[in-house]
C-alpha atoms as a PDB file:
ATOM      1  CA  MET A   1       2.234 -29.136  -3.747  1.00  0.00           C
ATOM      2  CA  GLU A   2      -0.004 -26.276  -4.782  1.00  0.00           C
ATOM      3  CA  SER A   3       0.825 -24.566  -8.058  1.00  0.00           C
ATOM      4  CA  ILE A   4       3.230 -21.654  -8.344  1.00  0.00           C
ATOM      5  CA  LYS A   5       2.447 -21.099 -12.030  1.00  0.00           C
ATOM      6  CA  ASN A   6       2.454 -17.467 -13.181  1.00  0.00           C
ATOM      7  CA  LYS A   7       4.340 -16.292 -10.092  1.00  0.00           C
ATOM      8  CA  VAL A   8       7.407 -14.077 -10.467  1.00  0.00           C
ATOM      9  CA  ALA A   9      10.710 -15.015  -8.850  1.00  0.00           C
ATOM     10  CA  PHE A  10      14.052 -13.297  -8.418  1.00  0.00           C
ATOM     11  CA  VAL A  11      17.029 -15.621  -7.834  1.00  0.00           C
ATOM     12  CA  THR A  12      20.523 -14.384  -7.023  1.00  0.00           C
ATOM     13  CA  GLY A  13      23.437 -16.368  -8.422  1.00  0.00           C
ATOM     14  CA  GLY A  14      21.274 -18.339 -10.816  1.00  0.00           C
ATOM     15  CA  SER A  15      23.672 -19.178 -13.622  1.00  0.00           C
ATOM     16  CA  ARG A  16      25.286 -22.323 -12.196  1.00  0.00           C
ATOM     17  CA  GLY A  17      25.171 -24.929  -9.471  1.00  0.00           C
ATOM     18  CA  ILE A  18      22.325 -24.837  -6.969  1.00  0.00           C
ATOM     19  CA  GLY A  19      21.133 -21.482  -8.329  1.00  0.00           C
ATOM     20  CA  GLN A  20      20.790 -22.833 -11.852  1.00  0.00           C
ATOM     21  CA  ALA A  21      18.845 -25.864 -10.592  1.00  0.00           C
ATOM     22  CA  ILE A  22      16.482 -23.523  -8.745  1.00  0.00           C
ATOM     23  CA  VAL A  23      15.959 -21.358 -11.833  1.00  0.00           C
ATOM     24  CA  ARG A  24      15.240 -24.480 -13.910  1.00  0.00           C
ATOM     25  CA  LYS A  25      12.792 -25.889 -11.379  1.00  0.00           C
ATOM     26  CA  LEU A  26      10.860 -22.644 -11.003  1.00  0.00           C
ATOM     27  CA  ALA A  27      10.734 -21.962 -14.752  1.00  0.00           C
ATOM     28  CA  THR A  28       9.523 -25.480 -15.572  1.00  0.00           C
ATOM     29  CA  ALA A  29       6.798 -25.001 -12.933  1.00  0.00           C
ATOM     30  CA  GLY A  30       5.549 -21.983 -14.873  1.00  0.00           C
ATOM     31  CA  VAL A  31       7.229 -19.238 -12.858  1.00  0.00           C
ATOM     32  CA  ASN A  32       8.604 -16.154 -14.612  1.00  0.00           C
ATOM     33  CA  VAL A  33      12.179 -15.835 -13.362  1.00  0.00           C
ATOM     34  CA  ALA A  34      14.785 -13.109 -13.194  1.00  0.00           C
ATOM     35  CA  PHE A  35      18.194 -14.307 -12.031  1.00  0.00           C
ATOM     36  CA  THR A  36      21.534 -12.663 -11.476  1.00  0.00           C
ATOM     37  CA  TYR A  37      24.969 -13.674 -12.631  1.00  0.00           C
ATOM     38  CA  ASN A  38      28.329 -12.039 -12.123  1.00  0.00           C
ATOM     39  CA  ASN A  39      30.908 -13.555 -14.490  1.00  0.00           C
ATOM     40  CA  SER A  40      29.107 -16.260 -16.472  1.00  0.00           C
ATOM     41  CA  ALA A  41      27.389 -14.205 -19.185  1.00  0.00           C
ATOM     42  CA  ASP A  42      27.499 -16.917 -21.857  1.00  0.00           C
ATOM     43  CA  VAL A  43      26.098 -19.542 -19.492  1.00  0.00           C
ATOM     44  CA  ALA A  44      23.423 -17.149 -18.245  1.00  0.00           C
ATOM     45  CA  ASN A  45      22.302 -16.206 -21.740  1.00  0.00           C
ATOM     46  CA  LYS A  46      22.177 -19.847 -22.785  1.00  0.00           C
ATOM     47  CA  LEU A  47      19.969 -20.631 -19.780  1.00  0.00           C
ATOM     48  CA  VAL A  48      17.619 -17.779 -20.687  1.00  0.00           C
ATOM     49  CA  GLU A  49      17.323 -19.048 -24.243  1.00  0.00           C
ATOM     50  CA  GLU A  50      16.708 -22.603 -23.071  1.00  0.00           C
ATOM     51  CA  LEU A  51      14.034 -21.841 -20.485  1.00  0.00           C
ATOM     52  CA  SER A  52      12.091 -18.960 -22.038  1.00  0.00           C
ATOM     53  CA  GLY A  53       8.940 -19.958 -23.882  1.00  0.00           C
ATOM     54  CA  PRO A  54       5.471 -18.812 -24.928  1.00  0.00           C
ATOM     55  CA  GLU A  55       4.140 -18.964 -21.357  1.00  0.00           C
ATOM     56  CA  THR A  56       7.289 -18.439 -19.282  1.00  0.00           C
ATOM     57  CA  GLN A  57       9.761 -15.580 -19.425  1.00  0.00           C
ATOM     58  CA  VAL A  58      13.270 -15.832 -17.997  1.00  0.00           C
ATOM     59  CA  ILE A  59      15.736 -12.936 -17.871  1.00  0.00           C
ATOM     60  CA  ALA A  60      19.337 -12.668 -16.669  1.00  0.00           C
ATOM     61  CA  VAL A  61      20.670  -9.549 -14.949  1.00  0.00           C
ATOM     62  CA  LYS A  62      24.364  -8.935 -14.284  1.00  0.00           C
ATOM     63  CA  ALA A  63      24.880  -8.071 -10.621  1.00  0.00           C
ATOM     64  CA  ASP A  64      27.540  -8.399  -7.934  1.00  0.00           C
ATOM     65  CA  ASN A  65      26.052  -9.674  -4.680  1.00  0.00           C
ATOM     66  CA  GLY A  66      28.738  -7.802  -2.802  1.00  0.00           C
ATOM     67  CA  ASP A  67      27.573  -4.458  -4.235  1.00  0.00           C
ATOM     68  CA  ALA A  68      24.401  -3.128  -2.625  1.00  0.00           C
ATOM     69  CA  ASP A  69      23.548  -0.749  -5.459  1.00  0.00           C
ATOM     70  CA  SER A  70      23.975  -3.547  -7.987  1.00  0.00           C
ATOM     71  CA  ILE A  71      21.535  -5.808  -6.132  1.00  0.00           C
ATOM     72  CA  VAL A  72      18.897  -3.099  -5.708  1.00  0.00           C
ATOM     73  CA  SER A  73      19.172  -2.154  -9.377  1.00  0.00           C
ATOM     74  CA  ALA A  74      18.731  -5.785 -10.444  1.00  0.00           C
ATOM     75  CA  ILE A  75      15.627  -6.264  -8.283  1.00  0.00           C
ATOM     76  CA  ASN A  76      14.132  -3.035  -9.572  1.00  0.00           C
ATOM     77  CA  LYS A  77      14.778  -4.140 -13.161  1.00  0.00           C
ATOM     78  CA  ALA A  78      13.040  -7.456 -12.511  1.00  0.00           C
ATOM     79  CA  HIS A  79      10.067  -5.690 -10.954  1.00  0.00           C
ATOM     80  CA  GLN A  80       9.819  -3.271 -13.864  1.00  0.00           C
ATOM     81  CA  THR A  81       9.988  -6.165 -16.340  1.00  0.00           C
ATOM     82  CA  PHE A  82       7.336  -8.358 -14.731  1.00  0.00           C
ATOM     83  CA  GLY A  83       5.286  -5.826 -12.796  1.00  0.00           C
ATOM     84  CA  LYS A  84       5.361  -7.792  -9.553  1.00  0.00           C
ATOM     85  CA  LEU A  85       7.502  -9.990  -7.302  1.00  0.00           C
ATOM     86  CA  ASP A  86       6.246 -13.074  -5.455  1.00  0.00           C
ATOM     87  CA  ILE A  87       9.360 -15.124  -4.679  1.00  0.00           C
ATOM     88  CA  LEU A  88      12.882 -14.090  -3.681  1.00  0.00           C
ATOM     89  CA  VAL A  89      15.646 -16.697  -3.494  1.00  0.00           C
ATOM     90  CA  ASN A  90      18.960 -15.543  -2.062  1.00  0.00           C
ATOM     91  CA  ASN A  91      21.353 -18.135  -3.422  1.00  0.00           C
ATOM     92  CA  ALA A  92      24.484 -16.159  -4.379  1.00  0.00           C
ATOM     93  CA  GLY A  93      27.370 -16.736  -2.031  1.00  0.00           C
ATOM     94  CA  ILE A  94      31.071 -17.370  -1.793  1.00  0.00           C
ATOM     95  CA  GLY A  95      33.125 -19.783   0.253  1.00  0.00           C
ATOM     96  CA  THR A  96      36.620 -19.641   1.643  1.00  0.00           C
ATOM     97  CA  MET A  97      38.821 -22.315   3.207  1.00  0.00           C
ATOM     98  CA  ALA A  98      41.451 -20.796   5.478  1.00  0.00           C
ATOM     99  CA  THR A  99      42.503 -21.420   9.059  1.00  0.00           C
ATOM    100  CA  LEU A 100      42.882 -18.575  11.519  1.00  0.00           C
ATOM    101  CA  PRO A 101      46.507 -17.586  10.820  1.00  0.00           C
ATOM    102  CA  ASP A 102      45.808 -17.278   7.093  1.00  0.00           C
ATOM    103  CA  ILE A 103      42.514 -15.346   7.203  1.00  0.00           C
ATOM    104  CA  THR A 104      42.901 -11.767   6.024  1.00  0.00           C
ATOM    105  CA  LEU A 105      40.638  -8.841   6.789  1.00  0.00           C
ATOM    106  CA  ALA A 106      39.942  -8.647   3.056  1.00  0.00           C
ATOM    107  CA  ASP A 107      38.644 -12.253   3.214  1.00  0.00           C
ATOM    108  CA  PHE A 108      36.474 -11.327   6.200  1.00  0.00           C
ATOM    109  CA  ASP A 109      35.056  -8.194   4.593  1.00  0.00           C
ATOM    110  CA  ARG A 110      34.287  -9.887   1.268  1.00  0.00           C
ATOM    111  CA  ILE A 111      32.453 -12.879   2.737  1.00  0.00           C
ATOM    112  CA  ILE A 112      30.348 -10.601   4.947  1.00  0.00           C
ATOM    113  CA  ALA A 113      29.610  -8.316   1.991  1.00  0.00           C
ATOM    114  CA  VAL A 114      28.430 -11.140  -0.272  1.00  0.00           C
ATOM    115  CA  ASN A 115      26.958 -13.743   2.090  1.00  0.00           C
ATOM    116  CA  VAL A 116      25.373 -11.490   4.716  1.00  0.00           C
ATOM    117  CA  LYS A 117      25.041  -7.872   3.599  1.00  0.00           C
ATOM    118  CA  GLY A 118      24.042  -8.954   0.093  1.00  0.00           C
ATOM    119  CA  VAL A 119      21.261 -11.144   1.484  1.00  0.00           C
ATOM    120  CA  PHE A 120      19.998  -8.343   3.726  1.00  0.00           C
ATOM    121  CA  VAL A 121      20.005  -5.804   0.897  1.00  0.00           C
ATOM    122  CA  ALA A 122      18.123  -8.170  -1.413  1.00  0.00           C
ATOM    123  CA  ILE A 123      15.512  -8.898   1.268  1.00  0.00           C
ATOM    124  CA  GLN A 124      15.012  -5.218   2.042  1.00  0.00           C
ATOM    125  CA  ALA A 125      14.716  -4.222  -1.617  1.00  0.00           C
ATOM    126  CA  GLY A 126      12.654  -7.283  -2.526  1.00  0.00           C
ATOM    127  CA  ALA A 127      10.204  -6.899   0.351  1.00  0.00           C
ATOM    128  CA  ALA A 128       9.584  -3.276  -0.659  1.00  0.00           C
ATOM    129  CA  VAL A 129       8.061  -4.422  -3.971  1.00  0.00           C
ATOM    130  CA  MET A 130       6.883  -7.920  -3.045  1.00  0.00           C
ATOM    131  CA  ASN A 131       3.221  -8.851  -2.967  1.00  0.00           C
ATOM    132  CA  ASP A 132       1.739  -9.698   0.429  1.00  0.00           C
ATOM    133  CA  GLY A 133       1.814 -13.465   0.867  1.00  0.00           C
ATOM    134  CA  GLY A 134       5.180 -13.684  -0.876  1.00  0.00           C
ATOM    135  CA  ARG A 135       8.050 -16.035  -0.191  1.00  0.00           C
ATOM    136  CA  ILE A 136      11.672 -15.312   0.747  1.00  0.00           C
ATOM    137  CA  ILE A 137      14.045 -18.285   0.740  1.00  0.00           C
ATOM    138  CA  ASN A 138      17.679 -17.957   1.733  1.00  0.00           C
ATOM    139  CA  ILE A 139      20.253 -20.616   0.873  1.00  0.00           C
ATOM    140  CA  GLY A 140      22.380 -21.209   3.937  1.00  0.00           C
ATOM    141  CA  SER A 141      24.463 -24.214   4.949  1.00  0.00           C
ATOM    142  CA  THR A 142      24.621 -26.867   7.640  1.00  0.00           C
ATOM    143  CA  VAL A 143      28.032 -25.342   8.393  1.00  0.00           C
ATOM    144  CA  ALA A 144      26.025 -22.663  10.219  1.00  0.00           C
ATOM    145  CA  ASP A 145      25.494 -25.231  12.965  1.00  0.00           C
ATOM    146  CA  ARG A 146      28.363 -27.667  12.563  1.00  0.00           C
ATOM    147  CA  ASN A 147      31.916 -27.028  11.359  1.00  0.00           C
ATOM    148  CA  ALA A 148      33.291 -30.455  10.482  1.00  0.00           C
ATOM    149  CA  PHE A 149      36.714 -29.292   9.296  1.00  0.00           C
ATOM    150  CA  PRO A 150      39.295 -26.618  10.121  1.00  0.00           C
ATOM    151  CA  GLY A 151      39.185 -23.653   7.765  1.00  0.00           C
ATOM    152  CA  THR A 152      35.411 -23.169   7.638  1.00  0.00           C
ATOM    153  CA  ALA A 153      35.119 -20.501  10.331  1.00  0.00           C
ATOM    154  CA  LEU A 154      34.326 -17.540   8.059  1.00  0.00           C
ATOM    155  CA  TYR A 155      31.878 -19.448   5.877  1.00  0.00           C
ATOM    156  CA  GLY A 156      30.098 -20.934   8.892  1.00  0.00           C
ATOM    157  CA  MET A 157      29.893 -17.539  10.568  1.00  0.00           C
ATOM    158  CA  SER A 158      28.298 -15.988   7.482  1.00  0.00           C
ATOM    159  CA  LYS A 159      25.702 -18.759   7.157  1.00  0.00           C
ATOM    160  CA  ALA A 160      24.866 -18.611  10.877  1.00  0.00           C
ATOM    161  CA  ALA A 161      24.223 -14.903  10.392  1.00  0.00           C
ATOM    162  CA  VAL A 162      21.847 -15.690   7.514  1.00  0.00           C
ATOM    163  CA  ALA A 163      19.899 -18.096   9.732  1.00  0.00           C
ATOM    164  CA  ALA A 164      19.595 -15.482  12.471  1.00  0.00           C
ATOM    165  CA  LEU A 165      18.587 -12.823   9.932  1.00  0.00           C
ATOM    166  CA  THR A 166      15.908 -15.172   8.613  1.00  0.00           C
ATOM    167  CA  ARG A 167      14.383 -15.645  12.061  1.00  0.00           C
ATOM    168  CA  GLY A 168      14.288 -11.934  12.792  1.00  0.00           C
ATOM    169  CA  ILE A 169      12.910 -10.816   9.447  1.00  0.00           C
ATOM    170  CA  SER A 170      10.217 -13.498   9.553  1.00  0.00           C
ATOM    171  CA  ARG A 171       8.798 -11.541  12.503  1.00  0.00           C
ATOM    172  CA  ASP A 172       8.989  -8.260  10.621  1.00  0.00           C
ATOM    173  CA  LEU A 173       7.234  -9.599   7.513  1.00  0.00           C
ATOM    174  CA  GLY A 174       4.796 -12.013   9.171  1.00  0.00           C
ATOM    175  CA  PRO A 175       1.966  -9.432   9.357  1.00  0.00           C
ATOM    176  CA  ARG A 176       2.099  -9.246   5.529  1.00  0.00           C
ATOM    177  CA  GLY A 177       1.863 -13.001   5.174  1.00  0.00           C
ATOM    178  CA  ILE A 178       5.379 -13.130   3.715  1.00  0.00           C
ATOM    179  CA  THR A 179       7.288 -16.208   4.850  1.00  0.00           C
ATOM    180  CA  VAL A 180      11.054 -16.169   5.312  1.00  0.00           C
ATOM    181  CA  ASN A 181      13.009 -19.426   5.551  1.00  0.00           C
ATOM    182  CA  THR A 182      16.542 -20.722   5.187  1.00  0.00           C
ATOM    183  CA  VAL A 183      17.422 -23.917   3.317  1.00  0.00           C
ATOM    184  CA  GLN A 184      20.634 -25.383   4.728  1.00  0.00           C
ATOM    185  CA  PRO A 185      22.277 -27.816   2.280  1.00  0.00           C
ATOM    186  CA  GLY A 186      24.823 -30.316   3.460  1.00  0.00           C
ATOM    187  CA  PRO A 187      27.079 -32.196   1.011  1.00  0.00           C
ATOM    188  CA  ILE A 188      25.721 -31.356  -2.438  1.00  0.00           C
ATOM    189  CA  ASP A 189      27.710 -32.207  -5.556  1.00  0.00           C
ATOM    190  CA  THR A 190      28.704 -28.761  -6.856  1.00  0.00           C
ATOM    191  CA  ASP A 191      31.851 -26.950  -7.967  1.00  0.00           C
ATOM    192  CA  MET A 192      32.208 -25.632  -4.405  1.00  0.00           C
ATOM    193  CA  ASN A 193      31.946 -29.075  -2.802  1.00  0.00           C
ATOM    194  CA  PRO A 194      32.374 -31.820  -5.432  1.00  0.00           C
ATOM    195  CA  ALA A 195      31.570 -35.422  -4.627  1.00  0.00           C
ATOM    196  CA  ASP A 196      35.178 -36.354  -5.484  1.00  0.00           C
ATOM    197  CA  SER A 197      36.892 -33.804  -3.221  1.00  0.00           C
ATOM    198  CA  GLN A 198      39.506 -34.732  -0.635  1.00  0.00           C
ATOM    199  CA  PHE A 199      36.840 -34.521   2.085  1.00  0.00           C
ATOM    200  CA  ALA A 200      34.079 -36.393   0.232  1.00  0.00           C
ATOM    201  CA  ASP A 201      34.643 -39.879   1.641  1.00  0.00           C
ATOM    202  CA  LEU A 202      34.801 -38.526   5.184  1.00  0.00           C
ATOM    203  CA  LEU A 203      31.549 -36.620   4.665  1.00  0.00           C
ATOM    204  CA  ARG A 204      29.823 -39.648   3.188  1.00  0.00           C
ATOM    205  CA  SER A 205      30.848 -41.741   6.197  1.00  0.00           C
ATOM    206  CA  ALA A 206      29.172 -39.181   8.498  1.00  0.00           C
ATOM    207  CA  MET A 207      25.861 -39.111   6.595  1.00  0.00           C
ATOM    208  CA  ALA A 208      22.904 -41.379   7.366  1.00  0.00           C
ATOM    209  CA  LEU A 209      22.258 -41.884   3.639  1.00  0.00           C
ATOM    210  CA  GLY A 210      25.927 -42.242   2.761  1.00  0.00           C
ATOM    211  CA  HIS A 211      25.928 -40.233  -0.458  1.00  0.00           C
ATOM    212  CA  TYR A 212      26.005 -36.659  -1.714  1.00  0.00           C
ATOM    213  CA  GLY A 213      22.811 -34.884  -2.718  1.00  0.00           C
ATOM    214  CA  SER A 214      22.126 -33.217  -6.041  1.00  0.00           C
ATOM    215  CA  THR A 215      21.332 -29.622  -6.888  1.00  0.00           C
ATOM    216  CA  ASN A 216      17.861 -30.799  -7.891  1.00  0.00           C
ATOM    217  CA  ASP A 217      17.243 -31.958  -4.320  1.00  0.00           C
ATOM    218  CA  ILE A 218      17.718 -28.374  -3.155  1.00  0.00           C
ATOM    219  CA  ALA A 219      15.595 -26.970  -5.979  1.00  0.00           C
ATOM    220  CA  GLU A 220      12.681 -29.260  -5.065  1.00  0.00           C
ATOM    221  CA  LEU A 221      12.690 -28.008  -1.476  1.00  0.00           C
ATOM    222  CA  VAL A 222      12.917 -24.381  -2.608  1.00  0.00           C
ATOM    223  CA  ALA A 223       9.956 -24.858  -4.952  1.00  0.00           C
ATOM    224  CA  PHE A 224       7.908 -26.325  -2.096  1.00  0.00           C
ATOM    225  CA  LEU A 225       8.753 -23.427   0.234  1.00  0.00           C
ATOM    226  CA  ALA A 226       7.802 -21.023  -2.567  1.00  0.00           C
ATOM    227  CA  SER A 227       4.377 -22.617  -2.942  1.00  0.00           C
ATOM    228  CA  PRO A 228       1.087 -21.924  -1.149  1.00  0.00           C
ATOM    229  CA  SER A 229       1.456 -25.357   0.469  1.00  0.00           C
ATOM    230  CA  ALA A 230       4.233 -23.921   2.708  1.00  0.00           C
ATOM    231  CA  LYS A 231       2.231 -20.932   3.938  1.00  0.00           C
ATOM    232  CA  PHE A 232       2.575 -21.923   7.623  1.00  0.00           C
ATOM    233  CA  ILE A 233       6.361 -22.400   7.565  1.00  0.00           C
ATOM    234  CA  THR A 234       8.381 -19.307   8.449  1.00  0.00           C
ATOM    235  CA  GLY A 235      11.493 -18.389  10.414  1.00  0.00           C
ATOM    236  CA  ALA A 236      12.788 -21.930   9.892  1.00  0.00           C
ATOM    237  CA  SER A 237      16.238 -23.244   9.019  1.00  0.00           C
ATOM    238  CA  ILE A 238      15.699 -26.547   7.224  1.00  0.00           C
ATOM    239  CA  ASP A 239      18.623 -28.962   6.891  1.00  0.00           C
ATOM    240  CA  ILE A 240      18.787 -30.977   3.684  1.00  0.00           C
ATOM    241  CA  ASP A 241      21.941 -32.964   4.213  1.00  0.00           C
ATOM    242  CA  GLY A 242      21.358 -36.714   3.877  1.00  0.00           C
ATOM    243  CA  GLY A 243      21.375 -37.063   7.651  1.00  0.00           C
ATOM    244  CA  LEU A 244      24.738 -35.396   8.251  1.00  0.00           C
ATOM    245  CA  SER A 245      23.233 -33.503  11.195  1.00  0.00           C
ATOM    246  CA  SER A 246      21.270 -36.434  12.600  1.00  0.00           C
END
């Protein structure tokens, strides 16, 4: 993989889980990183302190991915701090488990605001200040293509929208050499989908590899897509799911 050292990245939802693993991977590769958090200020500040060094700067910016103005402000702050933007990772998202009779319009509106509108706003604001040849990586889900359980309709809908948005915007930004891709994790051991959940054994039985992935697995793929080595990959939705979709 070609080096991404001295690039500048903006990662939404970077204080925990997959987002934190992405921030760690990019920072240890020599990328200057700005990441957002919403409620985890202590965790975010600790991560900044841990990863910042003489050659790499990491900053945390409080932002709500469901608030368009908040996202734009955070991206502008990152750009003002570092003077450029090369990599945008849209990781922030929410999940909900509810079957049709229990879904409220408030649930619907919130998941669209965070998982779809928030991604669009970040891409639009990020692309406006991004260098040509930049990288946009959206974190989706294999649930975009396959709903294995009741109650995942809203989440799957939002991630399918992200995949479609990725394909369309890759056309818009292709002339600038900016690639746009979606990483679609399957069962990854996180707070949202722990490896000891009530569904874990069933998921493992459906996977070719038979075990959950780690947040580092996702971070490694994101780092590759952010690198010059991935310059000919765009508009793609890449499953990383241990063979769940095979």
